Amino acid sequence: AAGALLAYLRRQREATGAPLPHRHHLLAESCPDPVHPDRRR
């Protein structure tokens, strides 16, 4: 379980290219709308 948790947190940081979100870091992520990816974010 410790290995699975560590791998998950690494994937999170790699996916966003930013530190993990925590008490002193608010992570804001902009992405396309899954229904209308060309029109809305």
PDB file of all heavy atoms in Angstrom:
ATOM      1  N   ALA A   1       0.825  -1.196   0.000  1.00  0.00           N
ATOM      2  CA  ALA A   1       0.000   0.000   0.000  1.00  0.00           C
ATOM      3  C   ALA A   1       0.866   1.256   0.000  1.00  0.00           C
ATOM      4  O   ALA A   1       0.546   2.242  -0.672  1.00  0.00           O
ATOM      5  CB  ALA A   1      -0.918  -0.001   1.217  1.00  0.00           C
ATOM      6  N   ALA A   2       1.970   1.230   0.739  1.00  0.00           N
ATOM      7  CA  ALA A   2       2.874   2.382   0.753  1.00  0.00           C
ATOM      8  C   ALA A   2       3.455   2.620  -0.638  1.00  0.00           C
ATOM      9  O   ALA A   2       3.563   3.763  -1.099  1.00  0.00           O
ATOM     10  CB  ALA A   2       3.994   2.161   1.763  1.00  0.00           C
ATOM     11  N   GLY A   3       3.814   1.540  -1.333  1.00  0.00           N
ATOM     12  CA  GLY A   3       4.327   1.685  -2.692  1.00  0.00           C
ATOM     13  C   GLY A   3       3.284   2.225  -3.653  1.00  0.00           C
ATOM     14  O   GLY A   3       3.583   3.063  -4.508  1.00  0.00           O
ATOM     15  N   ALA A   4       2.035   1.755  -3.522  1.00  0.00           N
ATOM     16  CA  ALA A   4       0.958   2.243  -4.385  1.00  0.00           C
ATOM     17  C   ALA A   4       0.680   3.717  -4.129  1.00  0.00           C
ATOM     18  O   ALA A   4       0.443   4.491  -5.066  1.00  0.00           O
ATOM     19  CB  ALA A   4      -0.303   1.413  -4.158  1.00  0.00           C
ATOM     20  N   LEU A   5       0.715   4.126  -2.862  1.00  0.00           N
ATOM     21  CA  LEU A   5       0.476   5.520  -2.524  1.00  0.00           C
ATOM     22  C   LEU A   5       1.589   6.406  -3.084  1.00  0.00           C
ATOM     23  O   LEU A   5       1.326   7.483  -3.656  1.00  0.00           O
ATOM     24  CB  LEU A   5       0.383   5.682  -1.009  1.00  0.00           C
ATOM     25  CG  LEU A   5       0.226   7.104  -0.471  1.00  0.00           C
ATOM     26  CD1 LEU A   5      -0.990   7.788  -1.086  1.00  0.00           C
ATOM     27  CD2 LEU A   5       0.120   7.099   1.047  1.00  0.00           C
ATOM     28  N   LEU A   6       2.819   5.969  -2.948  1.00  0.00           N
ATOM     29  CA  LEU A   6       3.949   6.746  -3.460  1.00  0.00           C
ATOM     30  C   LEU A   6       3.867   6.886  -4.978  1.00  0.00           C
ATOM     31  O   LEU A   6       4.088   7.973  -5.526  1.00  0.00           O
ATOM     32  CB  LEU A   6       5.259   6.056  -3.062  1.00  0.00           C
ATOM     33  CG  LEU A   6       6.556   6.793  -3.397  1.00  0.00           C
ATOM     34  CD1 LEU A   6       6.602   8.145  -2.682  1.00  0.00           C
ATOM     35  CD2 LEU A   6       7.763   5.953  -3.015  1.00  0.00           C
ATOM     36  N   ALA A   7       3.521   5.817  -5.679  1.00  0.00           N
ATOM     37  CA  ALA A   7       3.405   5.862  -7.135  1.00  0.00           C
ATOM     38  C   ALA A   7       2.280   6.811  -7.563  1.00  0.00           C
ATOM     39  O   ALA A   7       2.412   7.560  -8.540  1.00  0.00           O
ATOM     40  CB  ALA A   7       3.151   4.462  -7.683  1.00  0.00           C
ATOM     41  N   TYR A   8       1.191   6.788  -6.829  1.00  0.00           N
ATOM     42  CA  TYR A   8       0.066   7.678  -7.153  1.00  0.00           C
ATOM     43  C   TYR A   8       0.460   9.146  -6.991  1.00  0.00           C
ATOM     44  O   TYR A   8       0.155   9.988  -7.843  1.00  0.00           O
ATOM     45  CB  TYR A   8      -1.115   7.328  -6.243  1.00  0.00           C
ATOM     46  CG  TYR A   8      -2.234   8.343  -6.274  1.00  0.00           C
ATOM     47  CD1 TYR A   8      -2.950   8.588  -7.437  1.00  0.00           C
ATOM     48  CD2 TYR A   8      -2.585   9.057  -5.129  1.00  0.00           C
ATOM     49  CE1 TYR A   8      -3.973   9.511  -7.459  1.00  0.00           C
ATOM     50  CE2 TYR A   8      -3.601   9.978  -5.148  1.00  0.00           C
ATOM     51  CZ  TYR A   8      -4.296  10.213  -6.318  1.00  0.00           C
ATOM     52  OH  TYR A   8      -5.312  11.125  -6.350  1.00  0.00           O
ATOM     53  N   LEU A   9       1.150   9.483  -5.923  1.00  0.00           N
ATOM     54  CA  LEU A   9       1.554  10.866  -5.694  1.00  0.00           C
ATOM     55  C   LEU A   9       2.566  11.329  -6.745  1.00  0.00           C
ATOM     56  O   LEU A   9       2.542  12.490  -7.175  1.00  0.00           O
ATOM     57  CB  LEU A   9       2.145  11.010  -4.288  1.00  0.00           C
ATOM     58  CG  LEU A   9       1.183  10.726  -3.125  1.00  0.00           C
ATOM     59  CD1 LEU A   9       1.879  10.919  -1.792  1.00  0.00           C
ATOM     60  CD2 LEU A   9      -0.057  11.619  -3.206  1.00  0.00           C
ATOM     61  N   ARG A  10       3.430  10.425  -7.169  1.00  0.00           N
ATOM     62  CA  ARG A  10       4.375  10.787  -8.232  1.00  0.00           C
ATOM     63  C   ARG A  10       3.637  11.067  -9.533  1.00  0.00           C
ATOM     64  O   ARG A  10       3.978  12.005 -10.271  1.00  0.00           O
ATOM     65  CB  ARG A  10       5.384   9.661  -8.426  1.00  0.00           C
ATOM     66  CG  ARG A  10       6.460   9.593  -7.334  1.00  0.00           C
ATOM     67  CD  ARG A  10       7.313   8.353  -7.496  1.00  0.00           C
ATOM     68  NE  ARG A  10       8.403   8.322  -6.513  1.00  0.00           N
ATOM     69  CZ  ARG A  10       9.130   7.244  -6.253  1.00  0.00           C
ATOM     70  NH1 ARG A  10       8.871   6.104  -6.893  1.00  0.00           N
ATOM     71  NH2 ARG A  10      10.104   7.297  -5.361  1.00  0.00           N
ATOM     72  N   ARG A  11       2.622  10.257  -9.854  1.00  0.00           N
ATOM     73  CA  ARG A  11       1.844  10.489 -11.079  1.00  0.00           C
ATOM     74  C   ARG A  11       1.114  11.824 -11.006  1.00  0.00           C
ATOM     75  O   ARG A  11       0.977  12.528 -12.007  1.00  0.00           O
ATOM     76  CB  ARG A  11       0.836   9.357 -11.287  1.00  0.00           C
ATOM     77  CG  ARG A  11       1.456   8.013 -11.591  1.00  0.00           C
ATOM     78  CD  ARG A  11       0.455   7.056 -12.238  1.00  0.00           C
ATOM     79  NE  ARG A  11      -0.782   6.947 -11.486  1.00  0.00           N
ATOM     80  CZ  ARG A  11      -0.974   6.095 -10.487  1.00  0.00           C
ATOM     81  NH1 ARG A  11       0.017   5.298 -10.104  1.00  0.00           N
ATOM     82  NH2 ARG A  11      -2.138   6.022  -9.875  1.00  0.00           N
ATOM     83  N   GLN A  12       0.639  12.169  -9.824  1.00  0.00           N
ATOM     84  CA  GLN A  12      -0.043  13.455  -9.657  1.00  0.00           C
ATOM     85  C   GLN A  12       0.898  14.605  -9.974  1.00  0.00           C
ATOM     86  O   GLN A  12       0.543  15.537 -10.710  1.00  0.00           O
ATOM     87  CB  GLN A  12      -0.564  13.575  -8.220  1.00  0.00           C
ATOM     88  CG  GLN A  12      -0.990  14.971  -7.788  1.00  0.00           C
ATOM     89  CD  GLN A  12      -2.282  15.423  -8.449  1.00  0.00           C
ATOM     90  OE1 GLN A  12      -3.144  14.607  -8.741  1.00  0.00           O
ATOM     91  NE2 GLN A  12      -2.410  16.721  -8.693  1.00  0.00           N
ATOM     92  N   ARG A  13       2.093  14.552  -9.443  1.00  0.00           N
ATOM     93  CA  ARG A  13       3.038  15.647  -9.652  1.00  0.00           C
ATOM     94  C   ARG A  13       3.508  15.700 -11.108  1.00  0.00           C
ATOM     95  O   ARG A  13       3.679  16.785 -11.681  1.00  0.00           O
ATOM     96  CB  ARG A  13       4.236  15.501  -8.711  1.00  0.00           C
ATOM     97  CG  ARG A  13       5.054  16.778  -8.574  1.00  0.00           C
ATOM     98  CD  ARG A  13       5.978  16.747  -7.386  1.00  0.00           C
ATOM     99  NE  ARG A  13       7.019  15.723  -7.536  1.00  0.00           N
ATOM    100  CZ  ARG A  13       8.018  15.571  -6.664  1.00  0.00           C
ATOM    101  NH1 ARG A  13       8.074  16.347  -5.593  1.00  0.00           N
ATOM    102  NH2 ARG A  13       8.922  14.642  -6.842  1.00  0.00           N
ATOM    103  N   GLU A  14       3.694  14.534 -11.727  1.00  0.00           N
ATOM    104  CA  GLU A  14       4.103  14.515 -13.127  1.00  0.00           C
ATOM    105  C   GLU A  14       2.994  15.039 -14.036  1.00  0.00           C
ATOM    106  O   GLU A  14       3.261  15.718 -15.032  1.00  0.00           O
ATOM    107  CB  GLU A  14       4.476  13.085 -13.525  1.00  0.00           C
ATOM    108  CG  GLU A  14       5.742  12.570 -12.860  1.00  0.00           C
ATOM    109  CD  GLU A  14       5.946  11.081 -13.093  1.00  0.00           C
ATOM    110  OE1 GLU A  14       5.095  10.485 -13.808  1.00  0.00           O
ATOM    111  OE2 GLU A  14       6.925  10.526 -12.566  1.00  0.00           O
ATOM    112  N   ALA A  15       1.734  14.732 -13.710  1.00  0.00           N
ATOM    113  CA  ALA A  15       0.616  15.138 -14.559  1.00  0.00           C
ATOM    114  C   ALA A  15       0.429  16.647 -14.560  1.00  0.00           C
ATOM    115  O   ALA A  15       0.069  17.241 -15.584  1.00  0.00           O
ATOM    116  CB  ALA A  15      -0.665  14.449 -14.104  1.00  0.00           C
ATOM    117  N   THR A  16       0.665  17.293 -13.435  1.00  0.00           N
ATOM    118  CA  THR A  16       0.440  18.738 -13.342  1.00  0.00           C
ATOM    119  C   THR A  16       1.706  19.548 -13.521  1.00  0.00           C
ATOM    120  O   THR A  16       1.639  20.756 -13.800  1.00  0.00           O
ATOM    121  CB  THR A  16      -0.178  19.089 -11.970  1.00  0.00           C
ATOM    122  OG1 THR A  16       0.729  18.695 -10.927  1.00  0.00           O
ATOM    123  CG2 THR A  16      -1.509  18.380 -11.779  1.00  0.00           C
ATOM    124  N   GLY A  17       2.864  18.921 -13.330  1.00  0.00           N
ATOM    125  CA  GLY A  17       4.109  19.671 -13.413  1.00  0.00           C
ATOM    126  C   GLY A  17       4.258  20.682 -12.305  1.00  0.00           C
ATOM    127  O   GLY A  17       4.973  21.687 -12.438  1.00  0.00           O
ATOM    128  N   ALA A  18       3.599  20.439 -11.179  1.00  0.00           N
ATOM    129  CA  ALA A  18       3.618  21.374 -10.042  1.00  0.00           C
ATOM    130  C   ALA A  18       3.658  20.571  -8.752  1.00  0.00           C
ATOM    131  O   ALA A  18       3.364  19.369  -8.736  1.00  0.00           O
ATOM    132  CB  ALA A  18       2.384  22.267 -10.073  1.00  0.00           C
ATOM    133  N   PRO A  19       4.016  21.214  -7.645  1.00  0.00           N
ATOM    134  CA  PRO A  19       4.000  20.513  -6.358  1.00  0.00           C
ATOM    135  C   PRO A  19       2.610  19.979  -6.029  1.00  0.00           C
ATOM    136  O   PRO A  19       1.597  20.438  -6.568  1.00  0.00           O
ATOM    137  CB  PRO A  19       4.424  21.598  -5.362  1.00  0.00           C
ATOM    138  CG  PRO A  19       5.193  22.586  -6.182  1.00  0.00           C
ATOM    139  CD  PRO A  19       4.542  22.588  -7.526  1.00  0.00           C
ATOM    140  N   LEU A  20       2.575  19.008  -5.144  1.00  0.00           N
ATOM    141  CA  LEU A  20       1.300  18.447  -4.716  1.00  0.00           C
ATOM    142  C   LEU A  20       0.453  19.517  -4.035  1.00  0.00           C
ATOM    143  O   LEU A  20       0.978  20.378  -3.326  1.00  0.00           O
ATOM    144  CB  LEU A  20       1.527  17.289  -3.739  1.00  0.00           C
ATOM    145  CG  LEU A  20       2.282  16.065  -4.260  1.00  0.00           C
ATOM    146  CD1 LEU A  20       2.496  15.072  -3.125  1.00  0.00           C
ATOM    147  CD2 LEU A  20       1.529  15.415  -5.404  1.00  0.00           C
ATOM    148  N   PRO A  21      -0.862  19.493  -4.227  1.00  0.00           N
ATOM    149  CA  PRO A  21      -1.716  20.435  -3.492  1.00  0.00           C
ATOM    150  C   PRO A  21      -1.744  20.076  -2.012  1.00  0.00           C
ATOM    151  O   PRO A  21      -1.837  18.902  -1.644  1.00  0.00           O
ATOM    152  CB  PRO A  21      -3.094  20.227  -4.133  1.00  0.00           C
ATOM    153  CG  PRO A  21      -3.052  18.840  -4.681  1.00  0.00           C
ATOM    154  CD  PRO A  21      -1.628  18.600  -5.104  1.00  0.00           C
ATOM    155  N   HIS A  22      -1.607  21.076  -1.156  1.00  0.00           N
ATOM    156  CA  HIS A  22      -1.654  20.811   0.279  1.00  0.00           C
ATOM    157  C   HIS A  22      -2.112  22.080   1.004  1.00  0.00           C
ATOM    158  O   HIS A  22      -2.631  23.014   0.381  1.00  0.00           O
ATOM    159  CB  HIS A  22      -0.296  20.324   0.806  1.00  0.00           C
ATOM    160  CG  HIS A  22       0.863  21.210   0.453  1.00  0.00           C
ATOM    161  ND1 HIS A  22       1.078  22.431   1.054  1.00  0.00           N
ATOM    162  CD2 HIS A  22       1.879  21.061  -0.446  1.00  0.00           C
ATOM    163  CE1 HIS A  22       2.163  22.991   0.575  1.00  0.00           C
ATOM    164  NE2 HIS A  22       2.676  22.181  -0.347  1.00  0.00           N
ATOM    165  N   ARG A  23      -1.931  22.107   2.283  1.00  0.00           N
ATOM    166  CA  ARG A  23      -2.468  23.195   3.110  1.00  0.00           C
ATOM    167  C   ARG A  23      -1.935  24.566   2.712  1.00  0.00           C
ATOM    168  O   ARG A  23      -2.620  25.579   2.860  1.00  0.00           O
ATOM    169  CB  ARG A  23      -2.148  22.936   4.583  1.00  0.00           C
ATOM    170  CG  ARG A  23      -2.764  21.672   5.144  1.00  0.00           C
ATOM    171  CD  ARG A  23      -2.318  21.467   6.575  1.00  0.00           C
ATOM    172  NE  ARG A  23      -0.871  21.317   6.663  1.00  0.00           N
ATOM    173  CZ  ARG A  23      -0.203  21.284   7.814  1.00  0.00           C
ATOM    174  NH1 ARG A  23      -0.860  21.399   8.958  1.00  0.00           N
ATOM    175  NH2 ARG A  23       1.103  21.147   7.825  1.00  0.00           N
ATOM    176  N   HIS A  24      -0.692  24.630   2.206  1.00  0.00           N
ATOM    177  CA  HIS A  24      -0.091  25.910   1.881  1.00  0.00           C
ATOM    178  C   HIS A  24       0.162  26.070   0.382  1.00  0.00           C
ATOM    179  O   HIS A  24       0.947  26.910  -0.022  1.00  0.00           O
ATOM    180  CB  HIS A  24       1.237  26.068   2.654  1.00  0.00           C
ATOM    181  CG  HIS A  24       1.072  25.974   4.137  1.00  0.00           C
ATOM    182  ND1 HIS A  24       1.541  24.906   4.866  1.00  0.00           N
ATOM    183  CD2 HIS A  24       0.466  26.790   5.022  1.00  0.00           C
ATOM    184  CE1 HIS A  24       1.245  25.080   6.151  1.00  0.00           C
ATOM    185  NE2 HIS A  24       0.591  26.218   6.271  1.00  0.00           N
ATOM    186  N   HIS A  25      -0.500  25.223  -0.408  1.00  0.00           N
ATOM    187  CA  HIS A  25      -0.332  25.325  -1.858  1.00  0.00           C
ATOM    188  C   HIS A  25      -1.659  24.998  -2.545  1.00  0.00           C
ATOM    189  O   HIS A  25      -2.089  23.841  -2.572  1.00  0.00           O
ATOM    190  CB  HIS A  25       0.751  24.361  -2.348  1.00  0.00           C
ATOM    191  CG  HIS A  25       0.909  24.357  -3.843  1.00  0.00           C
ATOM    192  ND1 HIS A  25       1.010  23.196  -4.573  1.00  0.00           N
ATOM    193  CD2 HIS A  25       0.963  25.372  -4.732  1.00  0.00           C
ATOM    194  CE1 HIS A  25       1.126  23.499  -5.853  1.00  0.00           C
ATOM    195  NE2 HIS A  25       1.104  24.806  -5.969  1.00  0.00           N
ATOM    196  N   LEU A  26      -2.317  26.016  -3.073  1.00  0.00           N
ATOM    197  CA  LEU A  26      -3.560  25.830  -3.815  1.00  0.00           C
ATOM    198  C   LEU A  26      -3.201  25.636  -5.289  1.00  0.00           C
ATOM    199  O   LEU A  26      -2.683  26.545  -5.939  1.00  0.00           O
ATOM    200  CB  LEU A  26      -4.487  27.034  -3.647  1.00  0.00           C
ATOM    201  CG  LEU A  26      -5.769  27.002  -4.478  1.00  0.00           C
ATOM    202  CD1 LEU A  26      -6.619  25.796  -4.123  1.00  0.00           C
ATOM    203  CD2 LEU A  26      -6.564  28.296  -4.285  1.00  0.00           C
ATOM    204  N   LEU A  27      -3.466  24.466  -5.807  1.00  0.00           N
ATOM    205  CA  LEU A  27      -3.149  24.140  -7.196  1.00  0.00           C
ATOM    206  C   LEU A  27      -4.371  24.425  -8.066  1.00  0.00           C
ATOM    207  O   LEU A  27      -5.457  23.883  -7.823  1.00  0.00           O
ATOM    208  CB  LEU A  27      -2.744  22.669  -7.309  1.00  0.00           C
ATOM    209  CG  LEU A  27      -2.452  22.145  -8.718  1.00  0.00           C
ATOM    210  CD1 LEU A  27      -1.265  22.884  -9.324  1.00  0.00           C
ATOM    211  CD2 LEU A  27      -2.194  20.644  -8.684  1.00  0.00           C
ATOM    212  N   ALA A  28      -4.208  25.286  -9.084  1.00  0.00           N
ATOM    213  CA  ALA A  28      -5.277  25.615 -10.033  1.00  0.00           C
ATOM    214  C   ALA A  28      -4.917  25.019 -11.385  1.00  0.00           C
ATOM    215  O   ALA A  28      -3.840  25.265 -11.917  1.00  0.00           O
ATOM    216  CB  ALA A  28      -5.452  27.125 -10.140  1.00  0.00           C
ATOM    217  N   GLU A  29      -5.837  24.232 -11.935  1.00  0.00           N
ATOM    218  CA  GLU A  29      -5.580  23.529 -13.186  1.00  0.00           C
ATOM    219  C   GLU A  29      -6.632  23.919 -14.219  1.00  0.00           C
ATOM    220  O   GLU A  29      -7.840  23.823 -13.964  1.00  0.00           O
ATOM    221  CB  GLU A  29      -5.621  22.020 -12.936  1.00  0.00           C
ATOM    222  CG  GLU A  29      -5.403  21.182 -14.181  1.00  0.00           C
ATOM    223  CD  GLU A  29      -5.558  19.700 -13.896  1.00  0.00           C
ATOM    224  OE1 GLU A  29      -5.739  19.351 -12.717  1.00  0.00           O
ATOM    225  OE2 GLU A  29      -5.510  18.912 -14.852  1.00  0.00           O
ATOM    226  N   SER A  30      -6.189  24.371 -15.386  1.00  0.00           N
ATOM    227  CA  SER A  30      -7.090  24.724 -16.481  1.00  0.00           C
ATOM    228  C   SER A  30      -7.095  23.595 -17.500  1.00  0.00           C
ATOM    229  O   SER A  30      -6.040  23.069 -17.874  1.00  0.00           O
ATOM    230  CB  SER A  30      -6.641  26.024 -17.143  1.00  0.00           C
ATOM    231  OG  SER A  30      -7.469  26.330 -18.253  1.00  0.00           O
ATOM    232  N   CYS A  31      -8.284  23.204 -17.960  1.00  0.00           N
ATOM    233  CA  CYS A  31      -8.386  22.087 -18.884  1.00  0.00           C
ATOM    234  C   CYS A  31      -9.634  22.247 -19.755  1.00  0.00           C
ATOM    235  O   CYS A  31     -10.572  22.961 -19.384  1.00  0.00           O
ATOM    236  CB  CYS A  31      -8.447  20.768 -18.121  1.00  0.00           C
ATOM    237  SG  CYS A  31      -9.736  20.753 -16.864  1.00  0.00           S
ATOM    238  N   PRO A  32      -9.676  21.593 -20.927  1.00  0.00           N
ATOM    239  CA  PRO A  32     -10.847  21.690 -21.797  1.00  0.00           C
ATOM    240  C   PRO A  32     -12.068  21.030 -21.170  1.00  0.00           C
ATOM    241  O   PRO A  32     -11.959  20.064 -20.410  1.00  0.00           O
ATOM    242  CB  PRO A  32     -10.407  20.945 -23.064  1.00  0.00           C
ATOM    243  CG  PRO A  32      -8.928  20.863 -22.980  1.00  0.00           C
ATOM    244  CD  PRO A  32      -8.587  20.830 -21.534  1.00  0.00           C
ATOM    245  N   ASP A  33     -13.245  21.557 -21.497  1.00  0.00           N
ATOM    246  CA  ASP A  33     -14.492  20.945 -21.064  1.00  0.00           C
ATOM    247  C   ASP A  33     -14.632  19.593 -21.769  1.00  0.00           C
ATOM    248  O   ASP A  33     -14.461  19.501 -22.979  1.00  0.00           O
ATOM    249  CB  ASP A  33     -15.667  21.854 -21.423  1.00  0.00           C
ATOM    250  CG  ASP A  33     -16.976  21.327 -20.877  1.00  0.00           C
ATOM    251  OD1 ASP A  33     -17.459  20.290 -21.382  1.00  0.00           O
ATOM    252  OD2 ASP A  33     -17.536  21.952 -19.960  1.00  0.00           O
ATOM    253  N   PRO A  34     -14.941  18.506 -21.040  1.00  0.00           N
ATOM    254  CA  PRO A  34     -15.021  17.187 -21.688  1.00  0.00           C
ATOM    255  C   PRO A  34     -16.156  17.073 -22.692  1.00  0.00           C
ATOM    256  O   PRO A  34     -16.092  16.239 -23.597  1.00  0.00           O
ATOM    257  CB  PRO A  34     -15.217  16.225 -20.511  1.00  0.00           C
ATOM    258  CG  PRO A  34     -15.768  17.060 -19.411  1.00  0.00           C
ATOM    259  CD  PRO A  34     -15.178  18.422 -19.587  1.00  0.00           C
ATOM    260  N   VAL A  35     -17.208  17.908 -22.556  1.00  0.00           N
ATOM    261  CA  VAL A  35     -18.340  17.847 -23.478  1.00  0.00           C
ATOM    262  C   VAL A  35     -18.089  18.715 -24.712  1.00  0.00           C
ATOM    263  O   VAL A  35     -18.359  18.309 -25.843  1.00  0.00           O
ATOM    264  CB  VAL A  35     -19.637  18.282 -22.765  1.00  0.00           C
ATOM    265  CG1 VAL A  35     -20.829  18.201 -23.725  1.00  0.00           C
ATOM    266  CG2 VAL A  35     -19.888  17.407 -21.539  1.00  0.00           C
ATOM    267  N   HIS A  36     -17.588  19.928 -24.495  1.00  0.00           N
ATOM    268  CA  HIS A  36     -17.307  20.850 -25.601  1.00  0.00           C
ATOM    269  C   HIS A  36     -15.857  21.329 -25.491  1.00  0.00           C
ATOM    270  O   HIS A  36     -15.602  22.473 -25.125  1.00  0.00           O
ATOM    271  CB  HIS A  36     -18.256  22.051 -25.563  1.00  0.00           C
ATOM    272  CG  HIS A  36     -19.702  21.665 -25.622  1.00  0.00           C
ATOM    273  ND1 HIS A  36     -20.305  21.174 -26.764  1.00  0.00           N
ATOM    274  CD2 HIS A  36     -20.677  21.688 -24.667  1.00  0.00           C
ATOM    275  CE1 HIS A  36     -21.581  20.921 -26.513  1.00  0.00           C
ATOM    276  NE2 HIS A  36     -21.829  21.222 -25.253  1.00  0.00           N
ATOM    277  N   PRO A  37     -14.888  20.477 -25.814  1.00  0.00           N
ATOM    278  CA  PRO A  37     -13.476  20.839 -25.619  1.00  0.00           C
ATOM    279  C   PRO A  37     -13.017  22.018 -26.468  1.00  0.00           C
ATOM    280  O   PRO A  37     -12.058  22.693 -26.102  1.00  0.00           O
ATOM    281  CB  PRO A  37     -12.730  19.554 -26.006  1.00  0.00           C
ATOM    282  CG  PRO A  37     -13.690  18.787 -26.865  1.00  0.00           C
ATOM    283  CD  PRO A  37     -15.049  19.119 -26.348  1.00  0.00           C
ATOM    284  N   ASP A  38     -13.690  22.276 -27.604  1.00  0.00           N
ATOM    285  CA  ASP A  38     -13.273  23.370 -28.475  1.00  0.00           C
ATOM    286  C   ASP A  38     -13.906  24.698 -28.105  1.00  0.00           C
ATOM    287  O   ASP A  38     -13.478  25.750 -28.590  1.00  0.00           O
ATOM    288  CB  ASP A  38     -13.617  23.042 -29.937  1.00  0.00           C
ATOM    289  CG  ASP A  38     -12.909  21.783 -30.423  1.00  0.00           C
ATOM    290  OD1 ASP A  38     -11.795  21.539 -29.924  1.00  0.00           O
ATOM    291  OD2 ASP A  38     -13.471  21.066 -31.263  1.00  0.00           O
ATOM    292  N   ARG A  39     -14.931  24.661 -27.260  1.00  0.00           N
ATOM    293  CA  ARG A  39     -15.693  25.875 -26.963  1.00  0.00           C
ATOM    294  C   ARG A  39     -15.551  26.359 -25.532  1.00  0.00           C
ATOM    295  O   ARG A  39     -15.697  27.548 -25.260  1.00  0.00           O
ATOM    296  CB  ARG A  39     -17.182  25.643 -27.264  1.00  0.00           C
ATOM    297  CG  ARG A  39     -17.471  25.437 -28.740  1.00  0.00           C
ATOM    298  CD  ARG A  39     -18.850  24.820 -28.957  1.00  0.00           C
ATOM    299  NE  ARG A  39     -19.874  25.451 -28.151  1.00  0.00           N
ATOM    300  CZ  ARG A  39     -21.107  24.954 -28.010  1.00  0.00           C
ATOM    301  NH1 ARG A  39     -21.432  23.818 -28.581  1.00  0.00           N
ATOM    302  NH2 ARG A  39     -21.997  25.583 -27.265  1.00  0.00           N
ATOM    303  N   ARG A  40     -15.312  25.452 -24.615  1.00  0.00           N
ATOM    304  CA  ARG A  40     -15.281  25.855 -23.208  1.00  0.00           C
ATOM    305  C   ARG A  40     -14.101  25.221 -22.493  1.00  0.00           C
ATOM    306  O   ARG A  40     -13.605  24.176 -22.904  1.00  0.00           O
ATOM    307  CB  ARG A  40     -16.580  25.445 -22.495  1.00  0.00           C
ATOM    308  CG  ARG A  40     -17.797  26.255 -22.883  1.00  0.00           C
ATOM    309  CD  ARG A  40     -18.875  26.140 -21.823  1.00  0.00           C
ATOM    310  NE  ARG A  40     -19.337  24.779 -21.639  1.00  0.00           N
ATOM    311  CZ  ARG A  40     -20.476  24.298 -22.143  1.00  0.00           C
ATOM    312  NH1 ARG A  40     -21.254  25.086 -22.856  1.00  0.00           N
ATOM    313  NH2 ARG A  40     -20.838  23.056 -21.922  1.00  0.00           N
ATOM    314  N   ARG A  41     -13.680  25.864 -21.410  1.00  0.00           N
ATOM    315  CA  ARG A  41     -12.646  25.320 -20.547  1.00  0.00           C
ATOM    316  C   ARG A  41     -13.161  25.276 -19.114  1.00  0.00           C
ATOM    317  O   ARG A  41     -14.160  25.942 -18.779  1.00  0.00           O
ATOM    318  CB  ARG A  41     -11.364  26.158 -20.632  1.00  0.00           C
ATOM    319  CG  ARG A  41     -10.728  26.154 -22.000  1.00  0.00           C
ATOM    320  CD  ARG A  41      -9.364  26.799 -21.954  1.00  0.00           C
ATOM    321  NE  ARG A  41      -8.391  26.048 -21.153  1.00  0.00           N
ATOM    322  CZ  ARG A  41      -7.720  24.988 -21.628  1.00  0.00           C
ATOM    323  NH1 ARG A  41      -7.923  24.546 -22.851  1.00  0.00           N
ATOM    324  NH2 ARG A  41      -6.825  24.388 -20.864  1.00  0.00           N
TER     325      ARG A  41
END
